[in-house]
Amino acid sequence: MLSGQVEVNKIRRGVYAIATALCLAGVAGNAQASTVIACDWGGKITSMPEIVRETGTDKREIVTTRFGMALLQSAKAPATRNDDECAHEENEAVNITLRGAHDALRVGDPILLRYRYVDGGEPQGRNSFDLINCATANSALCAKP
């Protein structure tokens, strides 16, 4: 009876080792599959910024500012890979969603943004926009008039 128990324990340890190896391989695979693209975009606000307040699934308030932008210039963000995603057409229309309430934005205002796209192996990647403050940011667009 004791030898049967020993065999069962060996099988369990083997199964646990295989399961652990598969989990670690999955985590490592997801970490390696992540792609980050970052571009600095400059342009003018073309539509009235709208502050939107929504309630998330966890009952927290989510505040965003949405507006249209005419994209006039772009540059690869420092320390990121070079990618065609930074290319644009002259006066290309882009819809922007910023986190937080930005009530000082007005139609016609010039604006600089950092666009980030992260593809973490998901069917649809995550993108985000952040305002660039030229006093503190390292961007090629800050040097342009």
Protein backbone atom coordinates (compact mmCIF):
# COMPACT_ATOMS: atom_id res chain seq x y z
CA MET A 1 0.00 0.00 0.00
CA LEU A 2 2.86 2.36 0.83
CA SER A 3 4.52 1.92 -2.56
CA GLY A 4 1.22 2.86 -4.29
CA GLN A 5 1.10 6.10 -2.28
CA VAL A 6 4.70 6.89 -3.24
CA GLU A 7 3.84 6.41 -6.92
CA VAL A 8 0.81 8.76 -6.62
CA ASN A 9 2.99 11.41 -4.95
CA LYS A 10 5.57 11.15 -7.76
CA ILE A 11 2.85 11.58 -10.37
CA ARG A 12 1.42 14.62 -8.54
CA ARG A 13 4.87 16.25 -8.32
CA GLY A 14 5.35 15.66 -12.05
CA VAL A 15 1.97 17.20 -12.88
CA TYR A 16 2.71 20.21 -10.66
CA ALA A 17 6.10 20.69 -12.30
CA ILE A 18 4.57 20.59 -15.78
CA ALA A 19 1.78 23.01 -14.78
CA THR A 20 4.31 25.42 -13.27
CA ALA A 21 6.50 25.29 -16.39
CA LEU A 22 3.49 25.98 -18.63
CA CYS A 23 2.42 28.95 -16.50
CA LEU A 24 5.91 30.43 -16.53
CA ALA A 25 6.20 29.94 -20.29
CA GLY A 26 2.86 31.72 -20.78
CA VAL A 27 3.93 34.69 -18.66
CA ALA A 28 7.27 34.95 -20.45
CA GLY A 29 5.55 34.67 -23.83
CA ASN A 30 3.16 37.54 -23.03
CA ALA A 31 5.99 39.73 -21.80
CA GLN A 32 7.96 39.23 -25.00
CA ALA A 33 4.95 39.80 -27.27
CA SER A 34 4.40 43.37 -26.07
CA THR A 35 5.08 46.11 -28.64
CA VAL A 36 5.24 49.78 -27.70
CA ILE A 37 4.96 52.56 -30.25
CA ALA A 38 5.19 56.19 -29.16
CA CYS A 39 4.91 59.31 -31.31
CA ASP A 40 4.73 63.00 -30.53
CA TRP A 41 1.93 64.71 -32.45
CA GLY A 42 1.41 68.42 -32.95
CA GLY A 43 -1.64 70.14 -34.39
CA LYS A 44 -4.68 72.29 -33.73
CA ILE A 45 -7.91 71.48 -31.91
CA THR A 46 -10.73 71.39 -34.49
CA SER A 47 -13.83 70.57 -32.40
CA MET A 48 -15.15 71.77 -29.08
CA PRO A 49 -13.56 69.68 -26.30
CA GLU A 50 -16.17 67.70 -24.39
CA ILE A 51 -15.63 66.51 -20.81
CA VAL A 52 -17.25 63.09 -20.39
CA ARG A 53 -17.99 61.49 -17.01
CA GLU A 54 -18.77 57.77 -16.96
CA THR A 55 -19.06 55.10 -14.30
CA GLY A 56 -16.77 52.09 -14.71
CA THR A 57 -17.70 48.49 -13.96
CA ASP A 58 -16.11 48.87 -10.51
CA LYS A 59 -18.38 51.90 -9.77
CA ARG A 60 -15.50 54.40 -10.04
CA GLU A 61 -15.96 57.61 -12.02
CA ILE A 62 -13.96 57.81 -15.25
CA VAL A 63 -13.38 61.34 -16.57
CA THR A 64 -12.08 61.97 -20.10
CA THR A 65 -11.84 64.92 -22.48
CA ARG A 66 -12.67 64.23 -26.13
CA PHE A 67 -12.04 66.46 -29.14
CA GLY A 68 -10.97 66.47 -32.78
CA MET A 69 -7.49 67.49 -33.88
CA ALA A 70 -5.91 68.37 -37.23
CA LEU A 71 -2.54 66.61 -37.16
CA LEU A 72 0.13 68.95 -38.57
CA GLN A 73 3.43 67.41 -37.47
CA SER A 74 4.77 64.27 -35.86
CA ALA A 75 8.03 62.89 -34.56
CA LYS A 76 9.18 59.61 -33.07
CA ALA A 77 9.19 59.89 -29.29
CA PRO A 78 12.65 59.60 -27.69
CA ALA A 79 13.81 56.09 -26.69
CA THR A 80 11.17 54.20 -28.67
CA ARG A 81 11.36 52.08 -31.77
CA ASN A 82 11.04 53.76 -35.14
CA ASP A 83 7.75 52.85 -36.76
CA ASP A 84 5.51 53.88 -39.65
CA GLU A 85 2.73 54.55 -37.12
CA CYS A 86 4.29 57.99 -36.61
CA ALA A 87 3.69 58.98 -40.25
CA HIS A 88 0.65 61.12 -41.03
CA GLU A 89 -1.10 63.04 -43.80
CA GLU A 90 -1.09 66.85 -43.81
CA ASN A 91 -4.11 68.08 -41.77
CA GLU A 92 -5.17 64.50 -41.02
CA ALA A 93 -8.23 64.48 -38.75
CA VAL A 94 -7.73 62.54 -35.52
CA ASN A 95 -10.17 61.92 -32.66
CA ILE A 96 -8.46 62.32 -29.29
CA THR A 97 -9.48 61.09 -25.82
CA LEU A 98 -7.41 62.39 -22.89
CA ARG A 99 -7.69 61.08 -19.34
CA GLY A 100 -8.99 63.68 -16.91
CA ALA A 101 -10.85 66.96 -17.35
CA HIS A 102 -9.01 69.57 -19.42
CA ASP A 103 -11.35 72.57 -19.40
CA ALA A 104 -8.72 75.07 -20.65
CA LEU A 105 -8.63 73.55 -24.17
CA ARG A 106 -10.32 75.61 -26.91
CA VAL A 107 -11.03 75.20 -30.62
CA GLY A 108 -8.08 76.52 -32.64
CA ASP A 109 -5.54 76.08 -29.82
CA PRO A 110 -2.22 74.49 -30.82
CA ILE A 111 -1.60 71.26 -28.96
CA LEU A 112 1.23 68.74 -28.51
CA LEU A 113 0.44 65.16 -27.55
CA ARG A 114 2.36 61.94 -26.98
CA TYR A 115 0.55 59.00 -28.57
CA ARG A 116 1.30 55.53 -27.17
CA TYR A 117 0.17 52.20 -28.53
CA VAL A 118 0.83 49.02 -26.54
CA ASP A 119 0.14 45.64 -28.11
CA GLY A 120 0.39 43.12 -25.30
CA GLY A 121 -0.70 40.15 -27.36
CA GLU A 122 -4.36 41.19 -27.10
CA PRO A 123 -6.61 41.19 -30.19
CA GLN A 124 -6.98 44.95 -29.83
CA GLY A 125 -4.09 46.90 -28.31
CA ARG A 126 -4.32 49.78 -25.86
CA ASN A 127 -3.61 53.34 -26.90
CA SER A 128 -3.37 56.53 -24.90
CA PHE A 129 -2.67 60.22 -25.34
CA ASP A 130 -0.87 62.54 -22.93
CA LEU A 131 -0.36 66.30 -23.16
CA ILE A 132 3.25 67.33 -23.72
CA ASN A 133 4.60 70.16 -21.60
CA CYS A 134 7.62 71.48 -23.51
CA ALA A 135 9.12 72.89 -20.30
CA THR A 136 9.60 69.37 -18.92
CA ALA A 137 9.31 66.96 -21.88
CA ASN A 138 11.99 65.72 -24.24
CA SER A 139 10.36 66.04 -27.68
CA ALA A 140 11.61 67.02 -31.11
CA LEU A 141 8.37 68.95 -31.63
CA CYS A 142 9.14 71.31 -28.74
CA ALA A 143 12.11 72.72 -30.66
CA LYS A 144 9.96 73.55 -33.71
CA PRO A 145 8.25 76.96 -33.91
